[in-house]
Amino acid sequence: MKDTLISRLAKIQQELKAPKNQFNKFGNYKYRSCEDILEAVKPLLNGLALNLTDEVKEAAGYMYVEATAVITDGNKMQAVKAQAGIDPTRKGMDIAQSFGSSSSYARKYALNGLFLIDDTKDADATNTHNKNEVKKEKLSKKRFEDALKALQDGKITKDKITSKFELSPLQTKALELC
């Protein structure tokens, strides 16, 4: 194979090992950061230049960061873009941290695309941080009494009550007695 930019990039893609050196205590999983990828790829560049840029954009009222990872031999270049949404009201972060977090995330995924790093088995790609869990509504005394009346009138089942609502131990016992 001729020593082209694409052949040199293909060699990097084959040789690159970017371990998951970070650990998320909240989600209890390992992941790799943008910095982990950069640290692993730098020794493999062999004269190629790698550049990362960000641009803040907006679509349909939502702000996002678009990162571009570019590799070049000085004559030809190969670029990959990735986007990450920005939530300026994210809990526990000021606006600069929110932008920075989105930038890091977009850059990581631009590098993933450029170097063919598969994150499908990476918890960073699959972890929902319990966002898919549906919180059950707690029932006040009045609403629970209304639910019991609806149960007696045949308008609702016990299963519907227990699947839809979070019951106190006393409410669970009362439901069992019905």
Protein backbone atom coordinates (compact mmCIF):
# COMPACT_ATOMS: atom_id res chain seq x y z
CA MET A 1 0.00 0.00 0.00
CA LYS A 2 1.31 3.43 -0.95
CA ASP A 3 2.26 5.70 1.96
CA THR A 4 -0.79 7.97 1.62
CA LEU A 5 -2.58 9.87 4.35
CA ILE A 6 -5.38 7.30 4.28
CA SER A 7 -2.96 4.35 4.54
CA ARG A 8 -1.16 6.04 7.43
CA LEU A 9 -4.50 6.75 9.14
CA ALA A 10 -5.53 3.11 8.60
CA LYS A 11 -2.32 1.99 10.32
CA ILE A 12 -3.07 4.25 13.31
CA GLN A 13 -6.63 2.89 13.44
CA GLN A 14 -5.28 -0.67 13.58
CA GLU A 15 -2.60 0.00 16.18
CA LEU A 16 -4.42 2.42 18.49
CA LYS A 17 -5.22 1.14 21.96
CA ALA A 18 -7.10 3.73 24.02
CA PRO A 19 -7.82 2.18 27.41
CA LYS A 20 -10.67 3.27 29.62
CA ASN A 21 -8.66 4.95 32.37
CA GLN A 22 -11.51 6.92 33.94
CA PHE A 23 -14.10 5.67 36.42
CA ASN A 24 -17.57 7.06 37.04
CA LYS A 25 -18.46 6.34 40.68
CA PHE A 26 -22.09 7.41 40.19
CA GLY A 27 -22.72 5.03 37.29
CA ASN A 28 -20.11 2.47 38.41
CA TYR A 29 -18.42 2.11 35.01
CA LYS A 30 -15.08 2.74 33.30
CA TYR A 31 -14.79 5.05 30.31
CA ARG A 32 -12.20 6.80 28.15
CA SER A 33 -11.94 10.57 27.93
CA CYS A 34 -10.83 12.77 25.06
CA GLU A 35 -7.51 13.18 26.86
CA ASP A 36 -7.08 9.36 27.10
CA ILE A 37 -7.52 9.07 23.33
CA LEU A 38 -5.08 11.92 22.65
CA GLU A 39 -2.46 10.42 24.96
CA ALA A 40 -2.75 7.05 23.20
CA VAL A 41 -2.68 8.45 19.64
CA LYS A 42 0.21 10.96 19.91
CA PRO A 43 2.99 8.33 19.76
CA LEU A 44 1.38 6.87 16.60
CA LEU A 45 1.15 10.09 14.57
CA ASN A 46 4.68 9.80 13.07
CA GLY A 47 4.77 13.25 11.51
CA LEU A 48 1.04 13.62 10.93
CA ALA A 49 -0.65 16.62 12.53
CA LEU A 50 -3.84 16.24 14.54
CA ASN A 51 -6.05 19.23 15.26
CA LEU A 52 -9.30 19.60 17.22
CA THR A 53 -11.63 22.58 16.90
CA ASP A 54 -15.03 23.48 18.33
CA GLU A 55 -17.84 25.64 17.10
CA VAL A 56 -20.97 26.53 19.05
CA LYS A 57 -24.08 26.23 16.91
CA GLU A 58 -27.84 26.42 17.31
CA ALA A 59 -30.61 24.41 15.71
CA ALA A 60 -34.32 24.69 16.47
CA GLY A 61 -33.58 26.71 19.60
CA TYR A 62 -31.04 24.21 20.98
CA MET A 63 -27.37 25.05 21.39
CA TYR A 64 -24.72 22.45 20.67
CA VAL A 65 -20.98 22.16 20.19
CA GLU A 66 -19.72 20.78 16.89
CA ALA A 67 -16.19 19.45 17.19
CA THR A 68 -13.97 18.67 14.23
CA ALA A 69 -11.01 16.29 14.40
CA VAL A 70 -8.60 16.80 11.49
CA ILE A 71 -5.54 14.73 10.63
CA THR A 72 -3.17 15.95 7.90
CA ASP A 73 0.16 15.14 6.32
CA GLY A 74 0.56 18.76 5.19
CA ASN A 75 -0.91 18.10 1.75
CA LYS A 76 -4.11 16.17 2.31
CA MET A 77 -6.43 16.05 5.28
CA GLN A 78 -9.16 13.85 6.70
CA ALA A 79 -11.81 15.36 8.99
CA VAL A 80 -14.62 13.99 11.16
CA LYS A 81 -17.27 16.04 12.98
CA ALA A 82 -19.34 15.21 16.05
CA GLN A 83 -21.92 17.16 18.03
CA ALA A 84 -22.98 17.38 21.67
CA GLY A 85 -25.87 19.36 23.10
CA ILE A 86 -25.33 22.11 25.64
CA ASP A 87 -27.57 22.37 28.69
CA PRO A 88 -26.76 25.75 30.29
CA THR A 89 -29.07 24.94 33.23
CA ARG A 90 -27.47 21.58 34.03
CA LYS A 91 -27.62 20.93 37.75
CA GLY A 92 -24.30 21.32 39.55
CA MET A 93 -22.56 23.16 36.69
CA ASP A 94 -22.10 26.79 35.86
CA ILE A 95 -22.44 27.82 32.21
CA ALA A 96 -18.70 27.57 31.47
CA GLN A 97 -18.60 24.01 32.84
CA SER A 98 -21.63 23.07 30.75
CA PHE A 99 -19.99 24.37 27.56
CA GLY A 100 -16.69 22.69 28.48
CA SER A 101 -18.37 19.37 29.17
CA SER A 102 -20.16 19.45 25.83
CA SER A 103 -16.92 20.41 24.07
CA SER A 104 -15.04 17.47 25.62
CA TYR A 105 -17.84 15.08 24.73
CA ALA A 106 -18.05 16.25 21.10
CA ARG A 107 -14.25 16.14 20.71
CA LYS A 108 -14.16 12.60 22.12
CA TYR A 109 -16.71 11.41 19.59
CA ALA A 110 -15.00 13.19 16.70
CA LEU A 111 -11.79 11.35 17.67
CA ASN A 112 -13.78 8.10 17.98
CA GLY A 113 -14.99 8.58 14.41
CA LEU A 114 -11.59 9.50 13.01
CA PHE A 115 -9.76 6.61 14.68
CA LEU A 116 -12.63 4.05 14.49
CA ILE A 117 -12.92 3.63 18.24
CA ASP A 118 -16.01 1.57 18.97
CA ASP A 119 -17.90 2.78 22.04
CA THR A 120 -20.95 0.55 21.61
CA LYS A 121 -19.81 -1.57 24.55
CA ASP A 122 -18.60 1.48 26.45
CA ALA A 123 -20.77 2.37 29.42
CA ASP A 124 -20.46 6.00 28.35
CA ALA A 125 -22.51 5.08 25.29
CA THR A 126 -24.99 2.76 27.00
CA ASN A 127 -25.40 4.10 30.53
CA THR A 128 -28.67 5.91 31.09
CA HIS A 129 -27.75 7.21 34.57
CA ASN A 130 -31.16 5.87 35.65
CA LYS A 131 -32.95 8.29 33.30
CA ASN A 132 -35.21 5.53 31.99
CA GLU A 133 -36.52 4.68 35.42
CA VAL A 134 -40.05 5.94 35.83
CA LYS A 135 -40.68 7.48 39.21
CA LYS A 136 -43.94 6.35 40.71
CA GLU A 137 -46.21 8.94 42.19
CA LYS A 138 -46.82 8.79 45.94
CA LEU A 139 -50.45 8.77 46.97
CA SER A 140 -51.84 11.14 49.58
CA LYS A 141 -54.32 9.71 52.06
CA LYS A 142 -57.26 11.20 50.09
CA ARG A 143 -56.02 9.90 46.72
CA PHE A 144 -55.39 6.46 48.20
CA GLU A 145 -58.94 6.38 49.59
CA ASP A 146 -60.23 7.38 46.13
CA ALA A 147 -58.17 4.57 44.58
CA LEU A 148 -59.62 2.05 47.05
CA LYS A 149 -63.14 3.21 46.18
CA ALA A 150 -62.37 2.86 42.46
CA LEU A 151 -61.05 -0.65 43.19
CA GLN A 152 -64.27 -1.58 45.01
CA ASP A 153 -66.34 -0.15 42.13
CA GLY A 154 -64.32 -2.23 39.61
CA LYS A 155 -62.88 0.82 37.86
CA ILE A 156 -59.24 -0.10 38.62
CA THR A 157 -57.28 -3.22 39.56
CA LYS A 158 -54.80 -3.84 42.36
CA ASP A 159 -52.09 -4.40 39.76
CA LYS A 160 -52.79 -1.01 38.18
CA ILE A 161 -52.51 0.70 41.56
CA THR A 162 -49.23 -1.01 42.50
CA SER A 163 -47.65 -0.49 39.08
CA LYS A 164 -48.60 3.17 38.82
CA PHE A 165 -48.12 4.39 42.39
CA GLU A 166 -45.50 4.12 45.13
CA LEU A 167 -47.36 2.89 48.18
CA SER A 168 -46.36 3.25 51.80
CA PRO A 169 -46.18 0.03 53.86
CA LEU A 170 -49.50 0.94 55.46
CA GLN A 171 -51.14 1.53 52.06
CA THR A 172 -49.73 -1.78 50.76
CA LYS A 173 -51.21 -3.62 53.74
CA ALA A 174 -54.58 -1.90 53.28
CA LEU A 175 -54.57 -2.84 49.60
CA GLU A 176 -53.86 -6.48 50.47
CA LEU A 177 -56.90 -6.53 52.76
CA CYS A 178 -59.24 -5.36 49.98
